Amino acid sequence: MEFGHIIGTLGDVVDLIGVVAIVVGVSFALIDAGVRLIKRNGAVYERFRRVLGRAILVGLELLVAADIVRTVAVTPTLESVAVLGIIVLIRTFLSWSLQLEVSGRWPWQRARREPTPTPDPAGL
């Protein structure tokens, strides 16, 4: 087997894993939301969006990784690298937007911490 063929196949496998991650995540989010609706647990919609967003984020990251592997190892032409750059920019923007939706902050911002209550010296 030729090296380029192996890397191309590896890129296809990572692509497939990315799609499976999205499909499994969507399925899990739908089932979880259905169970929560039946049990009448609160915040069904917010949890559904958070779980769905995380699944899409993981899938997008895997799809970007597959594109990088294929472009760099299989077809390293200036045109393919430019196309890869555009794809990565679009998917990165989507990932950042989803990250903002899921967590309420940009990826480079620190997580918000709730202030911890200080112990009462009188023990009350």
N, C-alpha and C. Protein backbone atom coordinates (compact mmCIF):
# COMPACT_ATOMS: atom_id res chain seq x y z
N MET A 1 0.83 -1.18 0.00
CA MET A 1 0.00 0.00 0.00
C MET A 1 0.87 1.25 0.00
N GLU A 2 0.40 2.23 -0.68
CA GLU A 2 1.11 3.50 -0.78
C GLU A 2 0.77 4.38 0.42
N PHE A 3 1.74 5.19 0.87
CA PHE A 3 1.56 6.05 2.04
C PHE A 3 0.38 7.00 1.86
N GLY A 4 0.27 7.61 0.70
CA GLY A 4 -0.83 8.55 0.44
C GLY A 4 -2.19 7.88 0.54
N HIS A 5 -2.27 6.65 0.06
CA HIS A 5 -3.53 5.91 0.13
C HIS A 5 -3.90 5.60 1.58
N ILE A 6 -2.91 5.22 2.39
CA ILE A 6 -3.16 4.91 3.80
C ILE A 6 -3.65 6.17 4.53
N ILE A 7 -2.99 7.29 4.29
CA ILE A 7 -3.37 8.53 4.96
C ILE A 7 -4.75 8.98 4.48
N GLY A 8 -5.03 8.83 3.19
CA GLY A 8 -6.36 9.17 2.67
C GLY A 8 -7.45 8.34 3.33
N THR A 9 -7.18 7.05 3.48
CA THR A 9 -8.13 6.16 4.15
C THR A 9 -8.29 6.55 5.61
N LEU A 10 -7.19 6.90 6.26
CA LEU A 10 -7.25 7.35 7.64
C LEU A 10 -8.10 8.62 7.77
N GLY A 11 -7.94 9.53 6.83
CA GLY A 11 -8.76 10.75 6.82
C GLY A 11 -10.23 10.41 6.65
N ASP A 12 -10.54 9.44 5.79
CA ASP A 12 -11.93 9.02 5.60
C ASP A 12 -12.50 8.40 6.87
N VAL A 13 -11.67 7.63 7.58
CA VAL A 13 -12.12 7.01 8.84
C VAL A 13 -12.42 8.08 9.88
N VAL A 14 -11.55 9.09 9.99
CA VAL A 14 -11.77 10.17 10.95
C VAL A 14 -13.03 10.96 10.55
N ASP A 15 -13.24 11.16 9.24
CA ASP A 15 -14.48 11.78 8.76
C ASP A 15 -15.70 11.00 9.23
N LEU A 16 -15.65 9.69 9.05
CA LEU A 16 -16.76 8.83 9.45
C LEU A 16 -16.99 8.91 10.96
N ILE A 17 -15.92 8.93 11.73
CA ILE A 17 -16.05 9.04 13.18
C ILE A 17 -16.70 10.37 13.55
N GLY A 18 -16.34 11.45 12.85
CA GLY A 18 -16.95 12.76 13.10
C GLY A 18 -18.44 12.75 12.83
N VAL A 19 -18.84 12.14 11.72
CA VAL A 19 -20.27 12.05 11.40
C VAL A 19 -21.00 11.19 12.42
N VAL A 20 -20.38 10.07 12.80
CA VAL A 20 -20.99 9.19 13.81
C VAL A 20 -21.14 9.93 15.14
N ALA A 21 -20.14 10.72 15.51
CA ALA A 21 -20.21 11.48 16.75
C ALA A 21 -21.40 12.44 16.73
N ILE A 22 -21.62 13.09 15.60
CA ILE A 22 -22.75 14.01 15.50
C ILE A 22 -24.07 13.24 15.57
N VAL A 23 -24.18 12.15 14.82
CA VAL A 23 -25.43 11.38 14.79
C VAL A 23 -25.73 10.79 16.17
N VAL A 24 -24.73 10.21 16.83
CA VAL A 24 -24.94 9.65 18.16
C VAL A 24 -25.30 10.76 19.15
N GLY A 25 -24.64 11.90 19.04
CA GLY A 25 -24.94 13.01 19.93
C GLY A 25 -26.35 13.54 19.75
N VAL A 26 -26.79 13.66 18.50
CA VAL A 26 -28.16 14.11 18.22
C VAL A 26 -29.15 13.09 18.78
N SER A 27 -28.88 11.82 18.55
CA SER A 27 -29.77 10.77 19.06
C SER A 27 -29.84 10.81 20.58
N PHE A 28 -28.69 10.93 21.22
CA PHE A 28 -28.66 10.99 22.68
C PHE A 28 -29.41 12.21 23.19
N ALA A 29 -29.20 13.37 22.55
CA ALA A 29 -29.88 14.59 22.98
C ALA A 29 -31.40 14.44 22.85
N LEU A 30 -31.86 13.83 21.75
CA LEU A 30 -33.30 13.64 21.56
C LEU A 30 -33.87 12.67 22.59
N ILE A 31 -33.18 11.55 22.83
CA ILE A 31 -33.66 10.57 23.81
C ILE A 31 -33.67 11.18 25.21
N ASP A 32 -32.60 11.88 25.56
CA ASP A 32 -32.50 12.52 26.86
C ASP A 32 -33.63 13.53 27.05
N ALA A 33 -33.89 14.33 26.03
CA ALA A 33 -34.96 15.33 26.11
C ALA A 33 -36.32 14.64 26.24
N GLY A 34 -36.52 13.55 25.50
CA GLY A 34 -37.78 12.81 25.60
C GLY A 34 -38.01 12.25 26.99
N VAL A 35 -36.96 11.66 27.56
CA VAL A 35 -37.07 11.10 28.92
C VAL A 35 -37.35 12.21 29.92
N ARG A 36 -36.67 13.34 29.78
CA ARG A 36 -36.88 14.46 30.70
C ARG A 36 -38.30 15.03 30.56
N LEU A 37 -38.82 15.05 29.34
CA LEU A 37 -40.19 15.53 29.15
C LEU A 37 -41.19 14.59 29.81
N ILE A 38 -40.99 13.30 29.64
CA ILE A 38 -41.90 12.32 30.24
C ILE A 38 -41.87 12.41 31.76
N LYS A 39 -40.66 12.55 32.31
CA LYS A 39 -40.51 12.63 33.77
C LYS A 39 -40.80 14.04 34.30
N ARG A 40 -41.03 14.96 33.38
CA ARG A 40 -41.32 16.36 33.73
C ARG A 40 -40.19 17.01 34.53
N ASN A 41 -38.97 16.69 34.15
CA ASN A 41 -37.81 17.37 34.75
C ASN A 41 -37.70 18.75 34.12
N GLY A 42 -37.27 19.71 34.89
CA GLY A 42 -37.16 21.07 34.39
C GLY A 42 -35.99 21.27 33.44
N ALA A 43 -35.99 22.37 32.76
CA ALA A 43 -34.90 22.81 31.88
C ALA A 43 -34.59 21.81 30.77
N VAL A 44 -35.63 21.26 30.15
CA VAL A 44 -35.43 20.28 29.08
C VAL A 44 -34.78 20.95 27.87
N TYR A 45 -35.29 22.09 27.47
CA TYR A 45 -34.79 22.75 26.27
C TYR A 45 -33.33 23.18 26.43
N GLU A 46 -32.98 23.75 27.57
CA GLU A 46 -31.62 24.22 27.78
C GLU A 46 -30.63 23.06 27.77
N ARG A 47 -31.00 21.96 28.41
CA ARG A 47 -30.12 20.79 28.42
C ARG A 47 -30.00 20.20 27.02
N PHE A 48 -31.11 20.13 26.30
CA PHE A 48 -31.09 19.61 24.93
C PHE A 48 -30.12 20.41 24.07
N ARG A 49 -30.21 21.73 24.14
CA ARG A 49 -29.32 22.58 23.34
C ARG A 49 -27.86 22.37 23.74
N ARG A 50 -27.60 22.24 25.04
CA ARG A 50 -26.22 22.07 25.51
C ARG A 50 -25.65 20.74 25.04
N VAL A 51 -26.42 19.65 25.18
CA VAL A 51 -25.95 18.32 24.77
C VAL A 51 -25.78 18.28 23.25
N LEU A 52 -26.74 18.82 22.52
CA LEU A 52 -26.66 18.84 21.06
C LEU A 52 -25.46 19.67 20.59
N GLY A 53 -25.27 20.83 21.20
CA GLY A 53 -24.14 21.68 20.83
C GLY A 53 -22.79 21.00 21.07
N ARG A 54 -22.66 20.30 22.16
CA ARG A 54 -21.41 19.60 22.45
C ARG A 54 -21.14 18.49 21.43
N ALA A 55 -22.20 17.77 21.05
CA ALA A 55 -22.04 16.72 20.05
C ALA A 55 -21.59 17.29 18.71
N ILE A 56 -22.19 18.40 18.33
CA ILE A 56 -21.82 19.03 17.06
C ILE A 56 -20.39 19.55 17.13
N LEU A 57 -20.00 20.11 18.28
CA LEU A 57 -18.62 20.59 18.44
C LEU A 57 -17.60 19.47 18.26
N VAL A 58 -17.86 18.34 18.90
CA VAL A 58 -16.93 17.21 18.78
C VAL A 58 -16.87 16.74 17.33
N GLY A 59 -18.02 16.61 16.70
CA GLY A 59 -18.06 16.19 15.30
C GLY A 59 -17.32 17.15 14.38
N LEU A 60 -17.52 18.45 14.58
CA LEU A 60 -16.82 19.45 13.75
C LEU A 60 -15.31 19.37 13.93
N GLU A 61 -14.86 19.18 15.15
CA GLU A 61 -13.42 19.09 15.40
C GLU A 61 -12.82 17.87 14.70
N LEU A 62 -13.55 16.76 14.73
CA LEU A 62 -13.07 15.56 14.03
C LEU A 62 -13.07 15.76 12.52
N LEU A 63 -14.07 16.43 11.99
CA LEU A 63 -14.11 16.68 10.55
C LEU A 63 -12.98 17.61 10.11
N VAL A 64 -12.67 18.60 10.92
CA VAL A 64 -11.52 19.48 10.62
C VAL A 64 -10.23 18.68 10.64
N ALA A 65 -10.08 17.81 11.63
CA ALA A 65 -8.86 16.99 11.72
C ALA A 65 -8.71 16.12 10.48
N ALA A 66 -9.80 15.53 10.02
CA ALA A 66 -9.75 14.69 8.82
C ALA A 66 -9.36 15.51 7.60
N ASP A 67 -9.91 16.71 7.47
CA ASP A 67 -9.55 17.57 6.34
C ASP A 67 -8.07 17.93 6.37
N ILE A 68 -7.56 18.20 7.54
CA ILE A 68 -6.14 18.56 7.67
C ILE A 68 -5.26 17.38 7.27
N VAL A 69 -5.59 16.20 7.77
CA VAL A 69 -4.80 15.01 7.46
C VAL A 69 -4.78 14.77 5.96
N ARG A 70 -5.94 14.80 5.35
CA ARG A 70 -6.01 14.53 3.90
C ARG A 70 -5.29 15.59 3.09
N THR A 71 -5.47 16.85 3.43
CA THR A 71 -4.88 17.92 2.63
C THR A 71 -3.37 17.95 2.75
N VAL A 72 -2.87 17.82 3.96
CA VAL A 72 -1.43 17.92 4.17
C VAL A 72 -0.70 16.69 3.63
N ALA A 73 -1.27 15.51 3.85
CA ALA A 73 -0.56 14.29 3.49
C ALA A 73 -0.84 13.80 2.07
N VAL A 74 -2.04 14.05 1.56
CA VAL A 74 -2.42 13.47 0.28
C VAL A 74 -2.26 14.44 -0.88
N THR A 75 -2.83 15.63 -0.75
CA THR A 75 -2.79 16.60 -1.86
C THR A 75 -2.25 17.94 -1.39
N PRO A 76 -0.95 18.03 -1.12
CA PRO A 76 -0.40 19.28 -0.60
C PRO A 76 -0.12 20.32 -1.70
N THR A 77 -1.15 20.71 -2.45
CA THR A 77 -0.99 21.77 -3.44
C THR A 77 -1.42 23.09 -2.82
N LEU A 78 -1.02 24.18 -3.44
CA LEU A 78 -1.38 25.50 -2.93
C LEU A 78 -2.89 25.69 -2.94
N GLU A 79 -3.54 25.19 -3.98
CA GLU A 79 -5.00 25.31 -4.07
C GLU A 79 -5.70 24.51 -2.97
N SER A 80 -5.24 23.28 -2.72
CA SER A 80 -5.89 22.47 -1.68
C SER A 80 -5.65 23.04 -0.29
N VAL A 81 -4.48 23.63 -0.07
CA VAL A 81 -4.20 24.26 1.22
C VAL A 81 -5.07 25.50 1.40
N ALA A 82 -5.29 26.26 0.34
CA ALA A 82 -6.17 27.44 0.42
C ALA A 82 -7.61 27.02 0.72
N VAL A 83 -8.08 25.97 0.06
CA VAL A 83 -9.42 25.47 0.33
C VAL A 83 -9.52 24.98 1.77
N LEU A 84 -8.49 24.26 2.23
CA LEU A 84 -8.46 23.80 3.61
C LEU A 84 -8.53 24.98 4.57
N GLY A 85 -7.78 26.03 4.27
CA GLY A 85 -7.80 27.22 5.13
C GLY A 85 -9.19 27.82 5.24
N ILE A 86 -9.90 27.89 4.13
CA ILE A 86 -11.26 28.42 4.15
C ILE A 86 -12.19 27.51 4.95
N ILE A 87 -12.06 26.20 4.74
CA ILE A 87 -12.88 25.23 5.48
C ILE A 87 -12.61 25.34 6.97
N VAL A 88 -11.35 25.41 7.35
CA VAL A 88 -10.99 25.51 8.76
C VAL A 88 -11.52 26.81 9.36
N LEU A 89 -11.44 27.91 8.62
CA LEU A 89 -11.98 29.18 9.12
C LEU A 89 -13.48 29.08 9.38
N ILE A 90 -14.20 28.53 8.43
CA ILE A 90 -15.65 28.40 8.58
C ILE A 90 -16.00 27.50 9.75
N ARG A 91 -15.34 26.35 9.82
CA ARG A 91 -15.64 25.41 10.91
C ARG A 91 -15.20 25.95 12.26
N THR A 92 -14.11 26.71 12.29
CA THR A 92 -13.67 27.32 13.54
C THR A 92 -14.68 28.36 14.01
N PHE A 93 -15.20 29.16 13.08
CA PHE A 93 -16.23 30.13 13.43
C PHE A 93 -17.47 29.43 13.98
N LEU A 94 -17.86 28.33 13.32
CA LEU A 94 -19.01 27.56 13.81
C LEU A 94 -18.74 26.99 15.19
N SER A 95 -17.54 26.47 15.41
CA SER A 95 -17.19 25.91 16.72
C SER A 95 -17.23 26.98 17.80
N TRP A 96 -16.69 28.15 17.51
CA TRP A 96 -16.70 29.23 18.49
C TRP A 96 -18.13 29.68 18.79
N SER A 97 -18.94 29.76 17.74
CA SER A 97 -20.34 30.15 17.95
C SER A 97 -21.07 29.13 18.81
N LEU A 98 -20.84 27.86 18.52
CA LEU A 98 -21.47 26.81 19.34
C LEU A 98 -20.94 26.83 20.77
N GLN A 99 -19.66 27.06 20.93
CA GLN A 99 -19.07 27.14 22.28
C GLN A 99 -19.72 28.27 23.06
N LEU A 100 -19.95 29.40 22.41
CA LEU A 100 -20.61 30.53 23.07
C LEU A 100 -22.03 30.16 23.45
N GLU A 101 -22.74 29.47 22.58
CA GLU A 101 -24.10 29.03 22.87
C GLU A 101 -24.15 28.04 24.02
N VAL A 102 -23.22 27.09 24.03
CA VAL A 102 -23.25 26.02 25.03
C VAL A 102 -22.82 26.52 26.40
N SER A 103 -21.72 27.25 26.46
CA SER A 103 -21.15 27.61 27.76
C SER A 103 -21.41 29.06 28.16
N GLY A 104 -21.85 29.89 27.23
CA GLY A 104 -22.09 31.29 27.56
C GLY A 104 -20.83 32.13 27.60
N ARG A 105 -19.73 31.60 27.10
CA ARG A 105 -18.47 32.35 27.07
C ARG A 105 -17.66 31.92 25.85
N TRP A 106 -16.75 32.78 25.44
CA TRP A 106 -15.88 32.47 24.32
C TRP A 106 -14.84 31.44 24.77
N PRO A 107 -14.27 30.67 23.84
CA PRO A 107 -13.31 29.63 24.23
C PRO A 107 -12.09 30.16 24.99
N TRP A 108 -11.70 31.38 24.76
CA TRP A 108 -10.49 31.91 25.41
C TRP A 108 -10.81 32.57 26.76
N GLN A 109 -12.08 32.68 27.12
CA GLN A 109 -12.44 33.26 28.41
C GLN A 109 -12.45 32.19 29.48
N ARG A 110 -12.10 32.62 30.69
CA ARG A 110 -12.13 31.68 31.82
C ARG A 110 -13.57 31.40 32.20
N ALA A 111 -13.77 30.23 32.77
CA ALA A 111 -15.11 29.88 33.24
C ALA A 111 -15.48 30.78 34.41
N ARG A 112 -16.75 31.15 34.43
CA ARG A 112 -17.23 31.97 35.53
C ARG A 112 -17.38 31.09 36.76
N ARG A 113 -16.87 31.58 37.85
CA ARG A 113 -16.98 30.84 39.11
C ARG A 113 -17.91 31.59 40.05
N GLU A 114 -18.72 30.81 40.70
CA GLU A 114 -19.60 31.39 41.72
C GLU A 114 -18.74 31.69 42.94
N PRO A 115 -18.98 32.82 43.60
CA PRO A 115 -18.20 33.10 44.80
C PRO A 115 -18.51 32.07 45.89
N THR A 116 -17.44 31.60 46.52
CA THR A 116 -17.64 30.62 47.59
C THR A 116 -17.97 31.37 48.87
N PRO A 117 -18.96 30.88 49.58
CA PRO A 117 -19.32 31.58 50.83
C PRO A 117 -18.20 31.45 51.86
N THR A 118 -17.97 32.53 52.58
CA THR A 118 -16.95 32.50 53.61
C THR A 118 -17.57 31.93 54.88
N PRO A 119 -16.82 31.11 55.58
CA PRO A 119 -17.36 30.52 56.81
C PRO A 119 -17.62 31.60 57.86
N ASP A 120 -18.68 31.42 58.62
CA ASP A 120 -19.05 32.34 59.67
C ASP A 120 -18.16 32.07 60.90
N PRO A 121 -17.38 33.06 61.34
CA PRO A 121 -16.47 32.81 62.47
C PRO A 121 -17.22 32.50 63.75
N ALA A 122 -18.47 32.95 63.87
CA ALA A 122 -19.22 32.70 65.09
C ALA A 122 -19.86 31.31 65.06
N GLY A 123 -19.78 30.64 63.91
CA GLY A 123 -20.35 29.31 63.78
C GLY A 123 -21.84 29.31 63.59
N LEU A 124 -22.41 30.46 63.22
CA LEU A 124 -23.85 30.56 63.03
C LEU A 124 -24.27 30.29 61.64
